[in-house]
Amino acid sequence: AFAYRMKLEAIKHQGRATSGQVGPKLE
């Protein structure tokens, strides 16, 4: 559970940094 949560947050952070994408689509 915590591993998936950490990985999800890391991937979301990468998405915000590289594409500036936010919100439900990024999630």
PDB file of all heavy atoms in Angstrom:
ATOM      1  N   ALA A   1       0.820  -1.212   0.000  1.00  0.00           N
ATOM      2  CA  ALA A   1       0.000   0.000   0.000  1.00  0.00           C
ATOM      3  C   ALA A   1       0.852   1.260   0.000  1.00  0.00           C
ATOM      4  O   ALA A   1       0.658   2.165  -0.819  1.00  0.00           O
ATOM      5  CB  ALA A   1      -0.929  -0.008   1.217  1.00  0.00           C
ATOM      6  N   PHE A   2       1.813   1.339   0.916  1.00  0.00           N
ATOM      7  CA  PHE A   2       2.650   2.539   0.991  1.00  0.00           C
ATOM      8  C   PHE A   2       3.596   2.632  -0.203  1.00  0.00           C
ATOM      9  O   PHE A   2       3.921   3.734  -0.656  1.00  0.00           O
ATOM     10  CB  PHE A   2       3.437   2.557   2.303  1.00  0.00           C
ATOM     11  CG  PHE A   2       2.619   3.015   3.474  1.00  0.00           C
ATOM     12  CD1 PHE A   2       2.120   2.103   4.403  1.00  0.00           C
ATOM     13  CD2 PHE A   2       2.324   4.357   3.652  1.00  0.00           C
ATOM     14  CE1 PHE A   2       1.340   2.518   5.474  1.00  0.00           C
ATOM     15  CE2 PHE A   2       1.554   4.791   4.720  1.00  0.00           C
ATOM     16  CZ  PHE A   2       1.064   3.872   5.632  1.00  0.00           C
ATOM     17  N   ALA A   3       4.025   1.485  -0.728  1.00  0.00           N
ATOM     18  CA  ALA A   3       4.900   1.501  -1.905  1.00  0.00           C
ATOM     19  C   ALA A   3       4.152   2.059  -3.116  1.00  0.00           C
ATOM     20  O   ALA A   3       4.679   2.909  -3.846  1.00  0.00           O
ATOM     21  CB  ALA A   3       5.400   0.088  -2.203  1.00  0.00           C
ATOM     22  N   TYR A   4       2.928   1.594  -3.329  1.00  0.00           N
ATOM     23  CA  TYR A   4       2.134   2.110  -4.450  1.00  0.00           C
ATOM     24  C   TYR A   4       1.865   3.602  -4.290  1.00  0.00           C
ATOM     25  O   TYR A   4       1.901   4.359  -5.260  1.00  0.00           O
ATOM     26  CB  TYR A   4       0.805   1.361  -4.548  1.00  0.00           C
ATOM     27  CG  TYR A   4       0.900  -0.023  -5.147  1.00  0.00           C
ATOM     28  CD1 TYR A   4      -0.033  -1.008  -4.820  1.00  0.00           C
ATOM     29  CD2 TYR A   4       1.896  -0.357  -6.056  1.00  0.00           C
ATOM     30  CE1 TYR A   4       0.029  -2.283  -5.374  1.00  0.00           C
ATOM     31  CE2 TYR A   4       1.973  -1.626  -6.607  1.00  0.00           C
ATOM     32  CZ  TYR A   4       1.036  -2.579  -6.264  1.00  0.00           C
ATOM     33  OH  TYR A   4       1.106  -3.837  -6.812  1.00  0.00           O
ATOM     34  N   ARG A   5       1.597   4.023  -3.065  1.00  0.00           N
ATOM     35  CA  ARG A   5       1.316   5.452  -2.831  1.00  0.00           C
ATOM     36  C   ARG A   5       2.556   6.297  -3.127  1.00  0.00           C
ATOM     37  O   ARG A   5       2.461   7.368  -3.762  1.00  0.00           O
ATOM     38  CB  ARG A   5       0.859   5.658  -1.386  1.00  0.00           C
ATOM     39  CG  ARG A   5       0.474   7.094  -1.071  1.00  0.00           C
ATOM     40  CD  ARG A   5      -0.141   7.201   0.310  1.00  0.00           C
ATOM     41  NE  ARG A   5      -0.428   8.594   0.649  1.00  0.00           N
ATOM     42  CZ  ARG A   5      -1.021   8.969   1.784  1.00  0.00           C
ATOM     43  NH1 ARG A   5      -1.409   8.067   2.670  1.00  0.00           N
ATOM     44  NH2 ARG A   5      -1.231  10.244   2.032  1.00  0.00           N
ATOM     45  N   MET A   6       3.721   5.834  -2.670  1.00  0.00           N
ATOM     46  CA  MET A   6       4.961   6.566  -2.926  1.00  0.00           C
ATOM     47  C   MET A   6       5.258   6.649  -4.421  1.00  0.00           C
ATOM     48  O   MET A   6       5.645   7.704  -4.932  1.00  0.00           O
ATOM     49  CB  MET A   6       6.123   5.906  -2.183  1.00  0.00           C
ATOM     50  CG  MET A   6       6.070   6.057  -0.678  1.00  0.00           C
ATOM     51  SD  MET A   6       7.414   5.152   0.165  1.00  0.00           S
ATOM     52  CE  MET A   6       8.834   6.162  -0.305  1.00  0.00           C
ATOM     53  N   LYS A   7       5.060   5.529  -5.121  1.00  0.00           N
ATOM     54  CA  LYS A   7       5.341   5.504  -6.553  1.00  0.00           C
ATOM     55  C   LYS A   7       4.367   6.413  -7.301  1.00  0.00           C
ATOM     56  O   LYS A   7       4.762   7.149  -8.220  1.00  0.00           O
ATOM     57  CB  LYS A   7       5.237   4.076  -7.074  1.00  0.00           C
ATOM     58  CG  LYS A   7       5.591   3.948  -8.557  1.00  0.00           C
ATOM     59  CD  LYS A   7       5.626   2.493  -8.993  1.00  0.00           C
ATOM     60  CE  LYS A   7       5.974   2.368 -10.473  1.00  0.00           C
ATOM     61  NZ  LYS A   7       6.045   0.955 -10.911  1.00  0.00           N
ATOM     62  N   LEU A   8       3.099   6.384  -6.904  1.00  0.00           N
ATOM     63  CA  LEU A   8       2.103   7.236  -7.552  1.00  0.00           C
ATOM     64  C   LEU A   8       2.448   8.705  -7.378  1.00  0.00           C
ATOM     65  O   LEU A   8       2.390   9.489  -8.343  1.00  0.00           O
ATOM     66  CB  LEU A   8       0.717   6.947  -6.968  1.00  0.00           C
ATOM     67  CG  LEU A   8      -0.441   7.775  -7.524  1.00  0.00           C
ATOM     68  CD1 LEU A   8      -0.649   7.482  -8.998  1.00  0.00           C
ATOM     69  CD2 LEU A   8      -1.719   7.515  -6.733  1.00  0.00           C
ATOM     70  N   GLU A   9       2.835   9.096  -6.167  1.00  0.00           N
ATOM     71  CA  GLU A   9       3.187  10.495  -5.914  1.00  0.00           C
ATOM     72  C   GLU A   9       4.419  10.907  -6.721  1.00  0.00           C
ATOM     73  O   GLU A   9       4.493  12.029  -7.231  1.00  0.00           O
ATOM     74  CB  GLU A   9       3.432  10.717  -4.416  1.00  0.00           C
ATOM     75  CG  GLU A   9       2.186  10.619  -3.554  1.00  0.00           C
ATOM     76  CD  GLU A   9       1.132  11.636  -3.966  1.00  0.00           C
ATOM     77  OE1 GLU A   9       1.491  12.798  -4.282  1.00  0.00           O
ATOM     78  OE2 GLU A   9      -0.064  11.273  -3.984  1.00  0.00           O
ATOM     79  N   ALA A  10       5.391  10.005  -6.848  1.00  0.00           N
ATOM     80  CA  ALA A  10       6.602  10.305  -7.616  1.00  0.00           C
ATOM     81  C   ALA A  10       6.275  10.495  -9.094  1.00  0.00           C
ATOM     82  O   ALA A  10       6.787  11.417  -9.743  1.00  0.00           O
ATOM     83  CB  ALA A  10       7.629   9.187  -7.438  1.00  0.00           C
ATOM     84  N   ILE A  11       5.410   9.633  -9.627  1.00  0.00           N
ATOM     85  CA  ILE A  11       5.044   9.738 -11.043  1.00  0.00           C
ATOM     86  C   ILE A  11       4.231  11.008 -11.290  1.00  0.00           C
ATOM     87  O   ILE A  11       4.426  11.696 -12.306  1.00  0.00           O
ATOM     88  CB  ILE A  11       4.260   8.481 -11.486  1.00  0.00           C
ATOM     89  CG1 ILE A  11       5.211   7.288 -11.536  1.00  0.00           C
ATOM     90  CG2 ILE A  11       3.594   8.695 -12.848  1.00  0.00           C
ATOM     91  CD1 ILE A  11       4.541   5.966 -11.832  1.00  0.00           C
ATOM     92  N   LYS A  12       3.350  11.355 -10.362  1.00  0.00           N
ATOM     93  CA  LYS A  12       2.581  12.597 -10.509  1.00  0.00           C
ATOM     94  C   LYS A  12       3.500  13.808 -10.474  1.00  0.00           C
ATOM     95  O   LYS A  12       3.334  14.760 -11.245  1.00  0.00           O
ATOM     96  CB  LYS A  12       1.526  12.702  -9.397  1.00  0.00           C
ATOM     97  CG  LYS A  12       0.327  11.795  -9.602  1.00  0.00           C
ATOM     98  CD  LYS A  12      -0.850  12.185  -8.738  1.00  0.00           C
ATOM     99  CE  LYS A  12      -0.558  11.996  -7.277  1.00  0.00           C
ATOM    100  NZ  LYS A  12      -1.762  12.256  -6.443  1.00  0.00           N
ATOM    101  N   HIS A  13       4.486  13.772  -9.588  1.00  0.00           N
ATOM    102  CA  HIS A  13       5.433  14.884  -9.482  1.00  0.00           C
ATOM    103  C   HIS A  13       6.242  15.031 -10.762  1.00  0.00           C
ATOM    104  O   HIS A  13       6.493  16.142 -11.250  1.00  0.00           O
ATOM    105  CB  HIS A  13       6.361  14.674  -8.293  1.00  0.00           C
ATOM    106  CG  HIS A  13       7.256  15.834  -8.010  1.00  0.00           C
ATOM    107  ND1 HIS A  13       8.557  15.889  -8.457  1.00  0.00           N
ATOM    108  CD2 HIS A  13       7.027  17.001  -7.342  1.00  0.00           C
ATOM    109  CE1 HIS A  13       9.111  17.024  -8.071  1.00  0.00           C
ATOM    110  NE2 HIS A  13       8.200  17.724  -7.397  1.00  0.00           N
ATOM    111  N   GLN A  14       6.652  13.893 -11.344  1.00  0.00           N
ATOM    112  CA  GLN A  14       7.373  13.938 -12.616  1.00  0.00           C
ATOM    113  C   GLN A  14       6.499  14.526 -13.717  1.00  0.00           C
ATOM    114  O   GLN A  14       6.955  15.307 -14.553  1.00  0.00           O
ATOM    115  CB  GLN A  14       7.818  12.527 -13.016  1.00  0.00           C
ATOM    116  CG  GLN A  14       9.020  11.998 -12.253  1.00  0.00           C
ATOM    117  CD  GLN A  14       9.456  10.643 -12.760  1.00  0.00           C
ATOM    118  OE1 GLN A  14       8.636   9.838 -13.218  1.00  0.00           O
ATOM    119  NE2 GLN A  14      10.752  10.356 -12.675  1.00  0.00           N
ATOM    120  N   GLY A  15       5.206  14.162 -13.715  1.00  0.00           N
ATOM    121  CA  GLY A  15       4.286  14.669 -14.718  1.00  0.00           C
ATOM    122  C   GLY A  15       4.091  16.166 -14.625  1.00  0.00           C
ATOM    123  O   GLY A  15       4.061  16.870 -15.650  1.00  0.00           O
ATOM    124  N   ARG A  16       4.012  16.669 -13.392  1.00  0.00           N
ATOM    125  CA  ARG A  16       3.870  18.122 -13.201  1.00  0.00           C
ATOM    126  C   ARG A  16       5.132  18.844 -13.661  1.00  0.00           C
ATOM    127  O   ARG A  16       5.074  19.924 -14.243  1.00  0.00           O
ATOM    128  CB  ARG A  16       3.576  18.436 -11.730  1.00  0.00           C
ATOM    129  CG  ARG A  16       2.160  18.102 -11.296  1.00  0.00           C
ATOM    130  CD  ARG A  16       1.846  18.687  -9.935  1.00  0.00           C
ATOM    131  NE  ARG A  16       2.644  18.053  -8.884  1.00  0.00           N
ATOM    132  CZ  ARG A  16       2.238  17.023  -8.168  1.00  0.00           C
ATOM    133  NH1 ARG A  16       1.050  16.477  -8.398  1.00  0.00           N
ATOM    134  NH2 ARG A  16       2.999  16.502  -7.226  1.00  0.00           N
ATOM    135  N   ALA A  17       6.296  18.233 -13.384  1.00  0.00           N
ATOM    136  CA  ALA A  17       7.562  18.890 -13.712  1.00  0.00           C
ATOM    137  C   ALA A  17       7.838  18.913 -15.212  1.00  0.00           C
ATOM    138  O   ALA A  17       8.390  19.875 -15.733  1.00  0.00           O
ATOM    139  CB  ALA A  17       8.712  18.193 -12.982  1.00  0.00           C
ATOM    140  N   THR A  18       7.457  17.843 -15.916  1.00  0.00           N
ATOM    141  CA  THR A  18       7.802  17.751 -17.331  1.00  0.00           C
ATOM    142  C   THR A  18       6.751  18.340 -18.268  1.00  0.00           C
ATOM    143  O   THR A  18       7.082  18.850 -19.329  1.00  0.00           O
ATOM    144  CB  THR A  18       8.030  16.280 -17.729  1.00  0.00           C
ATOM    145  OG1 THR A  18       6.841  15.522 -17.420  1.00  0.00           O
ATOM    146  CG2 THR A  18       9.208  15.703 -16.967  1.00  0.00           C
ATOM    147  N   SER A  19       5.472  18.264 -17.862  1.00  0.00           N
ATOM    148  CA  SER A  19       4.425  18.728 -18.772  1.00  0.00           C
ATOM    149  C   SER A  19       3.582  19.854 -18.200  1.00  0.00           C
ATOM    150  O   SER A  19       2.790  20.456 -18.922  1.00  0.00           O
ATOM    151  CB  SER A  19       3.507  17.554 -19.152  1.00  0.00           C
ATOM    152  OG  SER A  19       2.792  17.112 -18.000  1.00  0.00           O
ATOM    153  N   GLY A  20       3.754  20.092 -16.903  1.00  0.00           N
ATOM    154  CA  GLY A  20       2.938  21.129 -16.268  1.00  0.00           C
ATOM    155  C   GLY A  20       1.498  20.700 -16.088  1.00  0.00           C
ATOM    156  O   GLY A  20       0.642  21.503 -15.700  1.00  0.00           O
ATOM    157  N   GLN A  21       1.208  19.417 -16.339  1.00  0.00           N
ATOM    158  CA  GLN A  21      -0.157  18.916 -16.235  1.00  0.00           C
ATOM    159  C   GLN A  21      -0.563  18.787 -14.771  1.00  0.00           C
ATOM    160  O   GLN A  21       0.220  18.371 -13.924  1.00  0.00           O
ATOM    161  CB  GLN A  21      -0.258  17.552 -16.921  1.00  0.00           C
ATOM    162  CG  GLN A  21      -1.676  17.072 -17.132  1.00  0.00           C
ATOM    163  CD  GLN A  21      -1.701  15.739 -17.871  1.00  0.00           C
ATOM    164  OE1 GLN A  21      -0.861  14.875 -17.634  1.00  0.00           O
ATOM    165  NE2 GLN A  21      -2.659  15.566 -18.767  1.00  0.00           N
ATOM    166  N   VAL A  22      -1.796  19.170 -14.448  1.00  0.00           N
ATOM    167  CA  VAL A  22      -2.315  19.060 -13.089  1.00  0.00           C
ATOM    168  C   VAL A  22      -3.757  18.566 -13.160  1.00  0.00           C
ATOM    169  O   VAL A  22      -4.358  18.515 -14.224  1.00  0.00           O
ATOM    170  CB  VAL A  22      -2.269  20.417 -12.335  1.00  0.00           C
ATOM    171  CG1 VAL A  22      -0.854  20.872 -12.127  1.00  0.00           C
ATOM    172  CG2 VAL A  22      -3.057  21.478 -13.113  1.00  0.00           C
ATOM    173  N   GLY A  23      -4.308  18.236 -11.987  1.00  0.00           N
ATOM    174  CA  GLY A  23      -5.721  17.899 -11.916  1.00  0.00           C
ATOM    175  C   GLY A  23      -6.028  16.444 -12.196  1.00  0.00           C
ATOM    176  O   GLY A  23      -5.153  15.569 -12.188  1.00  0.00           O
ATOM    177  N   PRO A  24      -7.312  16.156 -12.466  1.00  0.00           N
ATOM    178  CA  PRO A  24      -7.786  14.777 -12.651  1.00  0.00           C
ATOM    179  C   PRO A  24      -7.069  14.016 -13.763  1.00  0.00           C
ATOM    180  O   PRO A  24      -6.850  12.816 -13.643  1.00  0.00           O
ATOM    181  CB  PRO A  24      -9.276  14.962 -12.985  1.00  0.00           C
ATOM    182  CG  PRO A  24      -9.640  16.280 -12.393  1.00  0.00           C
ATOM    183  CD  PRO A  24      -8.417  17.132 -12.522  1.00  0.00           C
ATOM    184  N   LYS A  25      -6.719  14.709 -14.860  1.00  0.00           N
ATOM    185  CA  LYS A  25      -6.055  14.020 -15.964  1.00  0.00           C
ATOM    186  C   LYS A  25      -4.698  13.464 -15.539  1.00  0.00           C
ATOM    187  O   LYS A  25      -4.332  12.343 -15.896  1.00  0.00           O
ATOM    188  CB  LYS A  25      -5.883  14.962 -17.153  1.00  0.00           C
ATOM    189  CG  LYS A  25      -7.172  15.233 -17.922  1.00  0.00           C
ATOM    190  CD  LYS A  25      -6.894  16.032 -19.182  1.00  0.00           C
ATOM    191  CE  LYS A  25      -8.184  16.241 -19.979  1.00  0.00           C
ATOM    192  NZ  LYS A  25      -7.930  17.019 -21.225  1.00  0.00           N
ATOM    193  N   LEU A  26      -3.947  14.260 -14.775  1.00  0.00           N
ATOM    194  CA  LEU A  26      -2.646  13.794 -14.285  1.00  0.00           C
ATOM    195  C   LEU A  26      -2.843  12.631 -13.315  1.00  0.00           C
ATOM    196  O   LEU A  26      -2.104  11.644 -13.359  1.00  0.00           O
ATOM    197  CB  LEU A  26      -1.895  14.942 -13.597  1.00  0.00           C
ATOM    198  CG  LEU A  26      -0.566  14.557 -12.944  1.00  0.00           C
ATOM    199  CD1 LEU A  26       0.422  14.039 -13.986  1.00  0.00           C
ATOM    200  CD2 LEU A  26       0.033  15.758 -12.208  1.00  0.00           C
ATOM    201  N   GLU A  27      -3.837  12.740 -12.442  1.00  0.00           N
ATOM    202  CA  GLU A  27      -4.127  11.676 -11.469  1.00  0.00           C
ATOM    203  C   GLU A  27      -4.457  10.380 -12.207  1.00  0.00           C
ATOM    204  O   GLU A  27      -3.930   9.306 -11.866  1.00  0.00           O
ATOM    205  CB  GLU A  27      -5.307  12.090 -10.591  1.00  0.00           C
ATOM    206  CG  GLU A  27      -5.673  11.093  -9.506  1.00  0.00           C
ATOM    207  CD  GLU A  27      -4.744  11.137  -8.318  1.00  0.00           C
ATOM    208  OE1 GLU A  27      -4.147  12.193  -8.070  1.00  0.00           O
ATOM    209  OE2 GLU A  27      -4.616  10.106  -7.638  1.00  0.00           O
TER     210      GLU A  27
END
